């Protein structure tokens, strides 16, 4: 079978002694995607974009999009920014029973199979299979701590579904999926593990994960698919909490990195790499954590910029006498009206909850940009700031980096341009970490 060489070349490059990797943008946010394509045009390379099982699935997810819908959405943004779609790599993240975990195994896995099938049919060539969570009839239910054999058995079943779907539907030139496995996986949407104490994956756990998954794959005749397992998700010692960050410390991950060197045909995939420093990200790639997942820090940059633009708008509304969008308050109202996306992640007093909803590194706000009232307020914010020219003094006060770029002539003085530019500044760090120098 033909594989996606845009991904497998990472392995080849590293075997040749070169530091190589790729970052993966995990979001549906339009501003982030526009910024990612703009940055990738500068890099001159490929762009990997993933959607999670919660965002996008065969039932619509919280975005209301199926994988085919998401593909059309992303490709539309690519074309609008002038990015060649042949350089776009689409992927599925945390594909497994997580969205259906309140059901018993048979039903939850049947839905997970349908979801995997829909991702493969949409042309996603990087498939992260995640069966690490409990389901209703597991001992302990949804919060069960599963043994590796159960995880691997369910993972192999989903891989079998993906392979069957590919064989029966792929055109001659369509590459076969590559797979990401691993049991040390933060839950979709973020983990509070940093608050509870973080444990780096041991070499023994890494080897056991590989051994058991290989056994289960081969039992189902998935020999060829096993050769296309290119990465394992591990915990290398990076995480973030509401207001704290655990920085990468390569000395603490040294034993795990040494174990990877014995496995030249795979790399590690790093989840929750958001908010790491440029040095930390580069060291991670050098150490074999060659796929860097990033998402919340990008949407947090959107939120930060929108709130600062809202502050500018409020000042101008008093001076000019127009109605403000109240964007920050409208977002808070949306989160209170539909608390499902933050209630299980934030706890504390009412004052603490208000603070976390607006300013947590988990950025649960990212789930609410699709709210109709929020979208209305965003349109109003952008319109107000376009109709009322932003004084340079206010731009300098609230967005000093963008002020400098406007003064230099490298950035248009426009609210949406400022949002994209803040995201691009973060992506530049990831771009350099994986080897781009555009």
Protein backbone atom coordinates (compact mmCIF):
# COMPACT_ATOMS: atom_id res chain seq x y z
CA UNK A 1 0.00 0.00 0.00
CA UNK A 2 1.08 3.54 -0.71
CA UNK A 3 1.59 5.62 2.45
CA UNK A 4 1.53 9.36 3.02
CA UNK A 5 5.22 10.17 2.53
CA UNK A 6 4.63 13.67 3.87
CA UNK A 7 4.38 11.96 7.27
CA UNK A 8 6.62 8.92 6.88
CA UNK A 9 9.43 11.15 5.61
CA UNK A 10 9.84 12.34 9.20
CA UNK A 11 11.04 8.83 10.05
CA UNK A 12 13.35 8.72 7.03
CA UNK A 13 14.84 12.12 7.83
CA UNK A 14 15.53 11.17 11.41
CA UNK A 15 17.10 7.87 10.36
CA UNK A 16 19.45 9.93 8.21
CA UNK A 17 20.51 11.85 11.29
CA UNK A 18 18.53 15.02 10.65
CA UNK A 19 16.23 16.63 13.18
CA UNK A 20 12.79 16.53 11.63
CA UNK A 21 9.26 16.88 12.85
CA UNK A 22 5.88 18.43 12.21
CA UNK A 23 3.43 20.43 14.27
CA UNK A 24 -0.26 19.67 14.24
CA UNK A 25 -2.86 22.43 14.50
CA UNK A 26 -5.86 21.05 16.39
CA UNK A 27 -8.78 23.43 16.00
CA UNK A 28 -11.80 24.48 13.97
CA UNK A 29 -11.34 28.20 14.74
CA UNK A 30 -11.34 30.19 11.50
CA UNK A 31 -8.81 32.77 12.64
CA UNK A 32 -6.38 30.07 13.77
CA UNK A 33 -6.76 28.14 10.52
CA UNK A 34 -6.25 31.27 8.43
CA UNK A 35 -3.14 32.09 10.44
CA UNK A 36 -1.86 28.53 10.10
CA UNK A 37 -2.17 28.58 6.32
CA UNK A 38 -0.50 31.99 6.15
CA UNK A 39 2.39 30.71 8.26
CA UNK A 40 2.68 27.50 6.22
CA UNK A 41 2.93 29.57 3.04
CA UNK A 42 5.93 31.32 4.57
CA UNK A 43 7.44 27.99 5.62
CA UNK A 44 6.99 26.43 2.20
CA UNK A 45 6.10 23.05 3.70
CA UNK A 46 3.08 20.92 4.54
CA UNK A 47 0.44 21.74 7.14
CA UNK A 48 -1.13 19.13 9.41
CA UNK A 49 -4.60 19.97 10.73
CA UNK A 50 -6.51 17.72 13.11
CA UNK A 51 -10.04 17.65 14.44
CA UNK A 52 -10.91 15.80 17.62
CA UNK A 53 -13.64 13.25 18.22
CA UNK A 54 -15.61 15.84 20.19
CA UNK A 55 -15.35 18.63 17.63
CA UNK A 56 -16.09 16.60 14.52
CA UNK A 57 -17.61 13.15 14.12
CA UNK A 58 -20.16 11.21 12.08
CA UNK A 59 -22.93 12.67 14.27
CA UNK A 60 -21.69 16.25 13.90
CA UNK A 61 -19.78 16.85 17.14
CA UNK A 62 -20.10 20.16 18.94
CA UNK A 63 -19.23 22.06 15.74
CA UNK A 64 -22.07 20.38 13.84
CA UNK A 65 -19.56 19.12 11.27
CA UNK A 66 -18.90 15.61 9.99
CA UNK A 67 -15.35 14.82 8.80
CA UNK A 68 -16.43 15.50 5.20
CA UNK A 69 -17.90 18.84 6.29
CA UNK A 70 -14.70 19.68 8.14
CA UNK A 71 -12.61 18.79 5.09
CA UNK A 72 -14.69 21.13 2.91
CA UNK A 73 -14.48 23.86 5.56
CA UNK A 74 -10.69 23.61 5.91
CA UNK A 75 -10.05 23.32 2.18
CA UNK A 76 -12.21 26.40 1.62
CA UNK A 77 -10.05 28.39 4.03
CA UNK A 78 -6.91 27.01 2.35
CA UNK A 79 -8.08 28.19 -1.06
CA UNK A 80 -9.03 31.62 0.30
CA UNK A 81 -5.52 32.07 1.68
CA UNK A 82 -3.84 30.72 -1.45
CA UNK A 83 -2.49 27.58 0.22
CA UNK A 84 -2.16 24.55 -2.13
CA UNK A 85 -4.53 21.83 -0.89
CA UNK A 86 -2.05 19.14 -1.95
CA UNK A 87 0.15 20.34 0.92
CA UNK A 88 -2.67 19.95 3.43
CA UNK A 89 -2.69 16.86 5.66
CA UNK A 90 -5.94 16.11 7.47
CA UNK A 91 -6.05 13.97 10.58
CA UNK A 92 -8.35 12.62 13.28
CA UNK A 93 -7.47 12.98 16.94
CA UNK A 94 -8.57 10.82 19.90
CA UNK A 95 -10.69 8.60 17.65
CA UNK A 96 -12.33 6.10 19.95
CA UNK A 97 -15.27 5.68 22.30
CA UNK A 98 -14.76 8.92 24.25
CA UNK A 99 -17.87 10.74 22.91
CA UNK A 100 -19.93 7.60 23.52
CA UNK A 101 -18.40 6.47 26.81
CA UNK A 102 -21.72 6.64 28.68
CA UNK A 103 -22.80 3.56 26.69
CA UNK A 104 -21.78 -0.09 27.24
CA UNK A 105 -18.78 -1.34 25.28
CA UNK A 106 -20.63 -2.94 22.36
CA UNK A 107 -22.62 0.21 21.61
CA UNK A 108 -19.76 2.65 22.35
CA UNK A 109 -17.33 0.77 20.12
CA UNK A 110 -19.89 0.44 17.33
CA UNK A 111 -20.26 4.23 17.27
CA UNK A 112 -16.48 4.65 17.47
CA UNK A 113 -16.12 2.38 14.42
CA UNK A 114 -18.60 4.53 12.50
CA UNK A 115 -16.61 7.61 13.47
CA UNK A 116 -13.30 6.09 12.35
CA UNK A 117 -14.91 5.05 9.08
CA UNK A 118 -16.13 8.62 8.48
CA UNK A 119 -12.65 10.04 9.04
CA UNK A 120 -11.04 7.61 6.61
CA UNK A 121 -13.74 8.31 4.01
CA UNK A 122 -12.96 12.03 4.37
CA UNK A 123 -9.36 11.37 3.35
CA UNK A 124 -7.69 11.74 6.74
CA UNK A 125 -4.31 10.03 6.48
CA UNK A 126 -3.15 10.37 10.09
CA UNK A 127 -5.38 8.51 12.52
CA UNK A 128 -4.85 8.72 16.26
CA UNK A 129 -6.63 5.75 17.81
CA UNK A 130 -7.46 6.44 21.46
CA UNK A 131 -9.25 3.73 23.44
CA UNK A 132 -7.75 4.64 26.81
CA UNK A 133 -11.03 5.67 28.47
CA UNK A 134 -13.57 3.53 30.26
CA UNK A 135 -17.13 2.93 29.07
CA UNK A 136 -20.34 2.32 30.99
CA UNK A 137 -19.97 -1.41 31.61
CA UNK A 138 -16.25 -1.39 32.46
CA UNK A 139 -15.50 -2.00 36.16
CA UNK A 140 -15.42 1.57 37.38
CA UNK A 141 -17.46 2.87 34.46
CA UNK A 142 -16.32 5.90 32.48
CA UNK A 143 -13.59 6.72 34.99
CA UNK A 144 -12.16 3.19 34.88
CA UNK A 145 -8.40 2.76 34.67
CA UNK A 146 -8.13 0.22 31.87
CA UNK A 147 -5.43 -2.40 31.50
CA UNK A 148 -3.23 -2.16 28.41
CA UNK A 149 -4.63 -5.38 26.92
CA UNK A 150 -8.19 -3.99 26.87
CA UNK A 151 -6.97 -0.72 25.37
CA UNK A 152 -4.96 -2.54 22.70
CA UNK A 153 -7.81 -4.92 21.85
CA UNK A 154 -10.22 -2.05 21.26
CA UNK A 155 -7.56 -0.11 19.36
CA UNK A 156 -6.97 -3.05 17.00
CA UNK A 157 -10.72 -3.31 16.33
CA UNK A 158 -10.83 0.35 15.28
CA UNK A 159 -7.73 -0.08 13.14
CA UNK A 160 -9.39 -3.04 11.41
CA UNK A 161 -12.36 -0.79 10.62
CA UNK A 162 -10.07 1.91 9.22
CA UNK A 163 -8.20 -0.58 7.04
CA UNK A 164 -11.39 -2.13 5.70
CA UNK A 165 -12.82 1.30 4.91
CA UNK A 166 -9.64 2.31 3.10
CA UNK A 167 -9.44 -0.90 1.03
CA UNK A 168 -13.06 -0.72 -0.06
CA UNK A 169 -13.17 2.96 -0.92
CA UNK A 170 -9.73 4.32 -1.75
CA UNK A 171 -8.78 5.40 -5.25
CA UNK A 172 -5.58 4.06 -6.73
CA UNK A 173 -3.47 7.06 -5.66
CA UNK A 174 -4.97 7.53 -2.20
CA UNK A 175 -2.35 6.86 0.49
CA UNK A 176 -3.17 4.40 3.25
CA UNK A 177 -3.59 5.84 6.76
CA UNK A 178 -0.73 5.98 9.21
CA UNK A 179 -1.56 5.36 12.84
CA UNK A 180 -0.77 6.87 16.21
CA UNK A 181 -1.26 4.69 19.30
CA UNK A 182 -0.54 5.07 23.00
CA UNK A 183 -2.21 4.76 26.37
CA UNK A 184 -0.66 7.79 28.09
CA UNK A 185 -3.12 10.17 26.49
CA UNK A 186 -4.60 13.34 28.02
CA UNK A 187 -8.38 13.42 27.62
CA UNK A 188 -9.71 15.38 24.64
CA UNK A 189 -10.02 19.03 25.61
CA UNK A 190 -7.29 19.04 28.26
CA UNK A 191 -6.24 17.47 31.54
CA UNK A 192 -5.78 18.81 35.07
CA UNK A 193 -2.95 16.33 35.66
CA UNK A 194 -0.54 19.21 36.30
CA UNK A 195 -2.52 20.07 39.40
CA UNK A 196 -2.40 16.49 40.67
CA UNK A 197 1.17 15.53 39.88
CA UNK A 198 2.60 14.46 36.55
CA UNK A 199 4.35 11.14 35.87
CA UNK A 200 6.64 10.73 32.88
CA UNK A 201 6.06 7.56 30.86
CA UNK A 202 8.57 4.90 31.87
CA UNK A 203 10.58 2.99 29.25
CA UNK A 204 8.91 -0.19 30.51
CA UNK A 205 5.40 1.20 29.92
CA UNK A 206 6.41 2.39 26.46
CA UNK A 207 7.77 -1.03 25.51
CA UNK A 208 4.73 -2.80 26.97
CA UNK A 209 2.40 -0.55 24.98
CA UNK A 210 4.22 -1.43 21.76
CA UNK A 211 4.33 -5.14 22.55
CA UNK A 212 0.65 -5.53 23.46
CA UNK A 213 -0.60 -3.40 20.58
CA UNK A 214 1.54 -5.36 18.11
CA UNK A 215 0.16 -8.63 19.48
CA UNK A 216 -3.45 -7.45 19.14
CA UNK A 217 -2.88 -6.03 15.66
CA UNK A 218 -1.30 -9.25 14.39
CA UNK A 219 -4.11 -11.34 15.91
CA UNK A 220 -6.50 -9.48 13.59
CA UNK A 221 -4.21 -9.87 10.60
CA UNK A 222 -3.23 -6.20 10.63
CA UNK A 223 0.42 -6.88 9.84
CA UNK A 224 0.60 -4.22 7.13
CA UNK A 225 -1.20 -1.67 9.29
CA UNK A 226 1.25 -2.30 12.12
CA UNK A 227 4.07 -1.25 9.79
CA UNK A 228 2.24 2.08 9.40
CA UNK A 229 2.18 2.85 13.12
CA UNK A 230 4.52 5.85 13.07
CA UNK A 231 4.14 7.29 16.56
CA UNK A 232 3.24 6.57 20.16
CA UNK A 233 1.66 9.12 22.48
CA UNK A 234 3.63 9.34 25.71
CA UNK A 235 3.86 11.73 28.63
CA UNK A 236 7.35 13.30 28.30
CA UNK A 237 6.80 15.70 31.19
CA UNK A 238 4.84 18.59 29.66
CA UNK A 239 1.43 19.82 30.74
CA UNK A 240 -0.46 22.92 31.75
CA UNK A 241 -3.09 23.66 34.32
CA UNK A 242 -5.44 26.58 34.71
CA UNK A 243 -2.64 29.03 35.46
CA UNK A 244 0.51 26.87 35.64
CA UNK A 245 2.85 25.28 33.11
CA UNK A 246 5.14 22.27 33.48
CA UNK A 247 8.15 22.97 31.28
CA UNK A 248 9.94 20.26 29.30
CA UNK A 249 13.00 18.98 31.16
CA UNK A 250 15.00 16.73 28.88
CA UNK A 251 17.05 15.38 31.77
CA UNK A 252 13.90 13.94 33.36
CA UNK A 253 12.83 12.39 30.03
CA UNK A 254 16.29 10.95 29.27
CA UNK A 255 15.40 7.29 29.98
CA UNK A 256 12.27 7.48 27.84
CA UNK A 257 14.19 9.15 25.00
CA UNK A 258 16.89 6.46 25.22
CA UNK A 259 14.20 3.77 24.84
CA UNK A 260 12.90 5.47 21.69
CA UNK A 261 16.35 5.37 20.08
CA UNK A 262 16.05 1.58 20.03
CA UNK A 263 12.91 1.97 17.87
CA UNK A 264 14.05 3.88 14.76
CA UNK A 265 10.79 3.31 12.86
CA UNK A 266 8.62 5.39 15.20
CA UNK A 267 8.61 8.74 16.96
CA UNK A 268 6.75 10.14 19.92
CA UNK A 269 3.68 12.34 19.56
CA UNK A 270 3.51 15.08 22.17
CA UNK A 271 0.09 16.20 23.36
CA UNK A 272 -0.44 19.33 25.48
CA UNK A 273 2.69 21.02 24.10
CA UNK A 274 0.91 24.38 24.35
CA UNK A 275 2.71 27.18 26.21
CA UNK A 276 6.13 25.50 26.04
CA UNK A 277 9.12 27.74 25.36
CA UNK A 278 10.91 27.85 22.00
CA UNK A 279 13.88 26.08 23.58
CA UNK A 280 11.69 23.41 25.13
CA UNK A 281 9.87 22.69 21.87
CA UNK A 282 13.11 22.45 19.91
CA UNK A 283 14.58 20.07 22.50
CA UNK A 284 11.45 17.93 22.32
CA UNK A 285 11.81 17.53 18.56
CA UNK A 286 15.52 16.79 18.91
CA UNK A 287 14.67 14.12 21.50
CA UNK A 288 12.20 12.36 19.20
CA UNK A 289 8.93 14.01 20.24
CA UNK A 290 8.60 14.81 16.57
CA UNK A 291 4.84 15.46 16.31
CA UNK A 292 3.87 18.50 18.36
CA UNK A 293 0.15 18.95 18.98
CA UNK A 294 -0.95 22.53 19.55
CA UNK A 295 -4.41 24.01 19.98
CA UNK A 296 -5.47 25.75 23.21
CA UNK A 297 -2.57 28.22 23.15
CA UNK A 298 -3.63 29.29 19.65
CA UNK A 299 -7.27 29.81 20.55
CA UNK A 300 -6.18 31.50 23.76
CA UNK A 301 -4.26 33.99 21.60
CA UNK A 302 -7.53 34.60 19.73
CA UNK A 303 -9.35 35.16 23.03
CA UNK A 304 -6.64 37.48 24.36
CA UNK A 305 -6.67 39.59 21.20
CA UNK A 306 -10.46 39.73 21.01
CA UNK A 307 -10.69 40.84 24.65
CA UNK A 308 -8.06 43.54 24.05
CA UNK A 309 -9.91 44.68 20.96
CA UNK A 310 -13.05 44.74 23.08
CA UNK A 311 -11.31 47.01 25.58
CA UNK A 312 -10.32 49.35 22.74
CA UNK A 313 -13.89 49.25 21.43
CA UNK A 314 -15.32 50.16 24.84
CA UNK A 315 -13.09 53.24 25.07
CA UNK A 316 -14.01 54.34 21.57
CA UNK A 317 -17.72 53.69 22.18
CA UNK A 318 -17.69 56.22 25.04
CA UNK A 319 -15.86 58.78 22.91
CA UNK A 320 -17.85 58.25 19.71
CA UNK A 321 -21.22 57.35 21.21
CA UNK A 322 -21.82 54.02 19.44
CA UNK A 323 -23.08 50.75 20.91
CA UNK A 324 -20.34 48.35 22.03
CA UNK A 325 -20.41 44.64 21.16
CA UNK A 326 -19.78 43.73 24.83
CA UNK A 327 -17.85 40.74 23.46
CA UNK A 328 -16.32 39.61 26.78
CA UNK A 329 -19.68 39.79 28.58
CA UNK A 330 -21.48 38.06 25.70
CA UNK A 331 -18.95 35.22 25.87
CA UNK A 332 -19.49 34.89 29.62
CA UNK A 333 -23.25 34.79 29.09
CA UNK A 334 -22.86 32.04 26.48
CA UNK A 335 -20.73 29.95 28.85
CA UNK A 336 -23.28 30.32 31.65
CA UNK A 337 -26.16 29.52 29.31
CA UNK A 338 -24.49 26.29 28.17
CA UNK A 339 -21.99 25.16 30.83
CA UNK A 340 -21.40 21.67 29.42
CA UNK A 341 -17.96 22.53 27.97
CA UNK A 342 -16.41 23.95 31.16
CA UNK A 343 -18.23 22.58 34.21
CA UNK A 344 -16.21 19.36 34.38
CA UNK A 345 -12.92 21.25 34.06
CA UNK A 346 -13.26 24.23 36.39
CA UNK A 347 -13.98 24.22 40.12
CA UNK A 348 -13.85 26.72 42.97
CA UNK A 349 -15.78 29.65 44.36
CA UNK A 350 -17.97 31.74 42.07
CA UNK A 351 -15.26 34.38 41.85
CA UNK A 352 -12.69 31.71 40.96
CA UNK A 353 -15.01 30.26 38.31
CA UNK A 354 -15.46 33.67 36.69
CA UNK A 355 -11.68 34.05 36.58
CA UNK A 356 -11.12 30.57 35.15
CA UNK A 357 -13.82 30.87 32.49
CA UNK A 358 -12.13 33.98 31.14
CA UNK A 359 -8.44 33.42 31.75
CA UNK A 360 -7.60 29.72 32.22
CA UNK A 361 -4.85 28.20 30.08
CA UNK A 362 -7.33 25.41 29.34
CA UNK A 363 -9.21 28.02 27.29
CA UNK A 364 -12.62 26.37 27.46
CA UNK A 365 -13.84 29.55 25.77
CA UNK A 366 -12.74 27.96 22.49
CA UNK A 367 -15.89 25.84 22.47
CA UNK A 368 -18.13 28.90 22.35
CA UNK A 369 -17.03 30.77 19.22
CA UNK A 370 -19.78 28.89 17.36
CA UNK A 371 -22.49 30.27 19.66
CA UNK A 372 -24.85 32.46 17.62
CA UNK A 373 -24.81 35.34 20.09
CA UNK A 374 -21.01 35.24 20.23
CA UNK A 375 -20.79 35.24 16.44
CA UNK A 376 -23.14 38.24 16.32
CA UNK A 377 -21.02 40.11 18.87
CA UNK A 378 -17.81 39.30 16.97
CA UNK A 379 -19.24 40.71 13.75
CA UNK A 380 -20.29 43.84 15.63
CA UNK A 381 -16.83 44.21 17.21
CA UNK A 382 -15.04 43.96 13.87
CA UNK A 383 -17.52 46.32 12.20
CA UNK A 384 -17.23 48.91 14.96
CA UNK A 385 -13.45 48.92 14.84
CA UNK A 386 -13.40 49.16 11.05
CA UNK A 387 -15.85 52.04 11.02
CA UNK A 388 -13.99 53.85 13.81
CA UNK A 389 -10.27 54.03 13.14
CA UNK A 390 -8.21 52.69 16.05
CA UNK A 391 -5.94 55.47 17.37
CA UNK A 392 -2.28 54.46 17.39
CA UNK A 393 -2.09 55.39 21.07
CA UNK A 394 -4.72 52.77 21.95
CA UNK A 395 -3.10 50.20 19.68
CA UNK A 396 0.20 50.82 21.45
CA UNK A 397 -1.51 50.48 24.84
CA UNK A 398 -3.26 47.15 24.18
CA UNK A 399 -1.40 45.48 21.28
CA UNK A 400 2.15 46.84 21.33
CA UNK A 401 3.65 44.20 19.01
CA UNK A 402 0.96 44.83 16.40
CA UNK A 403 1.39 48.59 16.89
CA UNK A 404 5.07 48.22 15.98
CA UNK A 405 4.24 46.18 12.88
CA UNK A 406 1.61 48.69 11.74
CA UNK A 407 4.14 51.50 12.15
CA UNK A 408 6.69 49.51 10.13
CA UNK A 409 4.12 48.83 7.40
CA UNK A 410 4.27 45.03 7.71
CA UNK A 411 0.74 44.66 9.14
CA UNK A 412 -2.60 46.14 8.11
CA UNK A 413 -4.36 48.16 10.81
CA UNK A 414 -7.38 45.87 11.03
CA UNK A 415 -8.97 43.97 13.92
CA UNK A 416 -9.01 40.57 12.19
CA UNK A 417 -5.44 41.05 10.94
CA UNK A 418 -4.38 41.59 14.57
CA UNK A 419 -6.04 38.33 15.67
CA UNK A 420 -4.32 36.31 12.94
CA UNK A 421 -0.97 37.99 13.62
CA UNK A 422 -1.02 37.05 17.30
CA UNK A 423 -1.62 33.41 16.32
CA UNK A 424 1.13 33.52 13.69
CA UNK A 425 3.61 34.70 16.31
CA UNK A 426 2.98 31.47 18.27
CA UNK A 427 3.11 29.28 15.17
CA UNK A 428 6.51 30.72 14.28
CA UNK A 429 7.89 29.10 17.43
CA UNK A 430 6.50 25.70 16.42
CA UNK A 431 7.65 26.19 12.86
CA UNK A 432 11.24 26.73 13.92
CA UNK A 433 11.09 23.90 16.44
CA UNK A 434 10.31 21.34 13.73
CA UNK A 435 12.91 22.68 11.32
CA UNK A 436 11.23 25.34 9.16
CA UNK A 437 13.14 28.56 8.70
CA UNK A 438 10.75 30.45 6.41
